[in-house]
Amino acid sequence: MTSPSIGNEAGATGTRTHFNRGRKRTPNRSLESASSLSDMTAVTVTGHCDSAPTEWQLLPTFSTFSLSPDGSFPKIKSSKSAFIDLKTQKNHTGFASGRCYRMYLG
């Protein structure tokens, strides 16, 4: 078995074979999104909201919560100091401590 030619032992550069030559790149395919709000299906999600607040640090990452006890405006904790608002789909940072109400969707 022969290895690709690198040159002499002194370290001079030579030709190297390119092993992935000839591979075809597949284009990124994504699903088509709805063009307007009227093309989408209306969804209602029910769930439960804790009556007692939970400390922000004790809330696991990627869990749902609300800042109000009635469960309005649900959010998802995305990191130690950030969350995603489910209604606006915006990422908010700088949320370091406080209390929130854990939500259980289902």
C-alpha atoms as a PDB file:
ATOM      1  CA  MET A   1       0.000   0.000   0.000  1.00  0.00           C
ATOM      2  CA  THR A   2       1.377   3.393  -0.900  1.00  0.00           C
ATOM      3  CA  SER A   3       0.755   6.648   0.894  1.00  0.00           C
ATOM      4  CA  PRO A   4       0.319  10.028  -0.776  1.00  0.00           C
ATOM      5  CA  SER A   5       3.516  11.691  -1.864  1.00  0.00           C
ATOM      6  CA  ILE A   6       4.552  14.375   0.609  1.00  0.00           C
ATOM      7  CA  GLY A   7       8.051  15.035  -0.636  1.00  0.00           C
ATOM      8  CA  ASN A   8      11.436  14.098   0.710  1.00  0.00           C
ATOM      9  CA  GLU A   9      12.243  13.568   4.369  1.00  0.00           C
ATOM     10  CA  ALA A  10      13.502  17.146   4.705  1.00  0.00           C
ATOM     11  CA  GLY A  11       9.909  18.403   4.717  1.00  0.00           C
ATOM     12  CA  ALA A  12       9.619  19.789   1.210  1.00  0.00           C
ATOM     13  CA  THR A  13       6.032  20.032   0.083  1.00  0.00           C
ATOM     14  CA  GLY A  14       4.802  17.794  -2.651  1.00  0.00           C
ATOM     15  CA  THR A  15       1.441  16.721  -3.986  1.00  0.00           C
ATOM     16  CA  ARG A  16      -1.242  15.410  -1.682  1.00  0.00           C
ATOM     17  CA  THR A  17      -4.286  13.599  -2.876  1.00  0.00           C
ATOM     18  CA  HIS A  18      -7.630  15.109  -2.006  1.00  0.00           C
ATOM     19  CA  PHE A  19      -9.791  12.265  -0.724  1.00  0.00           C
ATOM     20  CA  ASN A  20     -13.240  13.888  -0.944  1.00  0.00           C
ATOM     21  CA  ARG A  21     -12.886  14.926  -4.562  1.00  0.00           C
ATOM     22  CA  GLY A  22     -15.830  13.783  -6.638  1.00  0.00           C
ATOM     23  CA  ARG A  23     -18.379  13.966  -3.791  1.00  0.00           C
ATOM     24  CA  LYS A  24     -21.499  15.858  -4.658  1.00  0.00           C
ATOM     25  CA  ARG A  25     -22.767  18.397  -2.178  1.00  0.00           C
ATOM     26  CA  THR A  26     -26.431  18.058  -1.401  1.00  0.00           C
ATOM     27  CA  PRO A  27     -28.338  21.328  -1.229  1.00  0.00           C
ATOM     28  CA  ASN A  28     -29.985  22.332   2.039  1.00  0.00           C
ATOM     29  CA  ARG A  29     -33.652  21.563   1.781  1.00  0.00           C
ATOM     30  CA  SER A  30     -36.163  23.222   4.040  1.00  0.00           C
ATOM     31  CA  LEU A  31     -39.901  22.927   4.366  1.00  0.00           C
ATOM     32  CA  GLU A  32     -42.051  25.600   2.846  1.00  0.00           C
ATOM     33  CA  SER A  33     -43.470  28.029   5.379  1.00  0.00           C
ATOM     34  CA  ALA A  34     -47.008  29.339   5.315  1.00  0.00           C
ATOM     35  CA  SER A  35     -47.343  32.482   3.257  1.00  0.00           C
ATOM     36  CA  SER A  36     -49.981  34.136   5.427  1.00  0.00           C
ATOM     37  CA  LEU A  37     -51.641  33.762   8.814  1.00  0.00           C
ATOM     38  CA  SER A  38     -54.876  32.571   7.187  1.00  0.00           C
ATOM     39  CA  ASP A  39     -53.011  29.524   5.788  1.00  0.00           C
ATOM     40  CA  MET A  40     -52.063  28.394   9.305  1.00  0.00           C
ATOM     41  CA  THR A  41     -54.094  26.217  11.652  1.00  0.00           C
ATOM     42  CA  ALA A  42     -55.320  27.749  14.924  1.00  0.00           C
ATOM     43  CA  VAL A  43     -54.038  25.826  17.965  1.00  0.00           C
ATOM     44  CA  THR A  44     -55.099  26.020  21.603  1.00  0.00           C
ATOM     45  CA  VAL A  45     -52.737  24.564  24.192  1.00  0.00           C
ATOM     46  CA  THR A  46     -53.885  23.894  27.736  1.00  0.00           C
ATOM     47  CA  GLY A  47     -51.699  23.419  30.761  1.00  0.00           C
ATOM     48  CA  HIS A  48     -51.248  23.998  34.468  1.00  0.00           C
ATOM     49  CA  CYS A  49     -49.409  26.753  36.288  1.00  0.00           C
ATOM     50  CA  ASP A  50     -47.932  26.429  39.793  1.00  0.00           C
ATOM     51  CA  SER A  51     -49.576  28.612  42.406  1.00  0.00           C
ATOM     52  CA  ALA A  52     -46.301  29.048  44.321  1.00  0.00           C
ATOM     53  CA  PRO A  53     -43.409  30.900  42.661  1.00  0.00           C
ATOM     54  CA  THR A  54     -40.099  29.160  41.895  1.00  0.00           C
ATOM     55  CA  GLU A  55     -36.647  30.719  41.985  1.00  0.00           C
ATOM     56  CA  TRP A  56     -35.168  31.372  38.521  1.00  0.00           C
ATOM     57  CA  GLN A  57     -31.945  29.469  39.333  1.00  0.00           C
ATOM     58  CA  LEU A  58     -33.927  26.330  40.293  1.00  0.00           C
ATOM     59  CA  LEU A  59     -35.906  26.305  37.036  1.00  0.00           C
ATOM     60  CA  PRO A  60     -34.378  23.772  34.593  1.00  0.00           C
ATOM     61  CA  THR A  61     -33.241  24.941  31.163  1.00  0.00           C
ATOM     62  CA  PHE A  62     -35.842  24.552  28.363  1.00  0.00           C
ATOM     63  CA  SER A  63     -38.770  24.455  30.786  1.00  0.00           C
ATOM     64  CA  THR A  64     -41.865  26.622  30.398  1.00  0.00           C
ATOM     65  CA  PHE A  65     -42.739  29.330  32.899  1.00  0.00           C
ATOM     66  CA  SER A  66     -44.726  32.511  33.308  1.00  0.00           C
ATOM     67  CA  LEU A  67     -44.027  35.701  35.191  1.00  0.00           C
ATOM     68  CA  SER A  68     -47.653  35.924  36.303  1.00  0.00           C
ATOM     69  CA  PRO A  69     -49.533  33.397  38.487  1.00  0.00           C
ATOM     70  CA  ASP A  70     -52.379  33.015  35.960  1.00  0.00           C
ATOM     71  CA  GLY A  71     -49.998  31.565  33.316  1.00  0.00           C
ATOM     72  CA  SER A  72     -50.479  34.302  30.745  1.00  0.00           C
ATOM     73  CA  PHE A  73     -47.589  35.083  28.417  1.00  0.00           C
ATOM     74  CA  PRO A  74     -45.749  31.722  28.558  1.00  0.00           C
ATOM     75  CA  LYS A  75     -41.984  31.689  28.125  1.00  0.00           C
ATOM     76  CA  ILE A  76     -39.186  29.102  27.802  1.00  0.00           C
ATOM     77  CA  LYS A  77     -35.927  29.324  29.747  1.00  0.00           C
ATOM     78  CA  SER A  78     -33.183  29.020  27.121  1.00  0.00           C
ATOM     79  CA  SER A  79     -30.069  29.488  29.297  1.00  0.00           C
ATOM     80  CA  LYS A  80     -29.023  30.627  32.778  1.00  0.00           C
ATOM     81  CA  SER A  81     -29.825  34.249  31.977  1.00  0.00           C
ATOM     82  CA  ALA A  82     -32.115  34.195  28.932  1.00  0.00           C
ATOM     83  CA  PHE A  83     -35.623  33.184  27.920  1.00  0.00           C
ATOM     84  CA  ILE A  84     -37.748  33.021  24.771  1.00  0.00           C
ATOM     85  CA  ASP A  85     -41.197  34.605  24.721  1.00  0.00           C
ATOM     86  CA  LEU A  86     -43.600  32.154  23.040  1.00  0.00           C
ATOM     87  CA  LYS A  87     -45.975  34.849  21.798  1.00  0.00           C
ATOM     88  CA  THR A  88     -43.391  37.115  20.160  1.00  0.00           C
ATOM     89  CA  GLN A  89     -40.694  34.420  19.578  1.00  0.00           C
ATOM     90  CA  LYS A  90     -38.018  36.865  20.724  1.00  0.00           C
ATOM     91  CA  ASN A  91     -34.986  35.955  22.821  1.00  0.00           C
ATOM     92  CA  HIS A  92     -34.525  38.122  25.920  1.00  0.00           C
ATOM     93  CA  THR A  93     -31.242  38.191  27.847  1.00  0.00           C
ATOM     94  CA  GLY A  94     -30.182  39.679  31.150  1.00  0.00           C
ATOM     95  CA  PHE A  95     -32.641  37.792  33.347  1.00  0.00           C
ATOM     96  CA  ALA A  96     -30.339  36.765  36.213  1.00  0.00           C
ATOM     97  CA  SER A  97     -32.547  36.234  39.251  1.00  0.00           C
ATOM     98  CA  GLY A  98     -36.109  36.462  40.434  1.00  0.00           C
ATOM     99  CA  ARG A  99     -39.202  34.372  40.806  1.00  0.00           C
ATOM    100  CA  CYS A 100     -41.395  32.793  38.173  1.00  0.00           C
ATOM    101  CA  TYR A 101     -44.292  30.371  37.992  1.00  0.00           C
ATOM    102  CA  ARG A 102     -43.518  26.963  36.492  1.00  0.00           C
ATOM    103  CA  MET A 103     -45.921  25.812  33.785  1.00  0.00           C
ATOM    104  CA  TYR A 104     -46.805  22.301  32.686  1.00  0.00           C
ATOM    105  CA  LEU A 105     -48.246  22.148  29.177  1.00  0.00           C
ATOM    106  CA  GLY A 106     -50.254  19.195  28.086  1.00  0.00           C
END
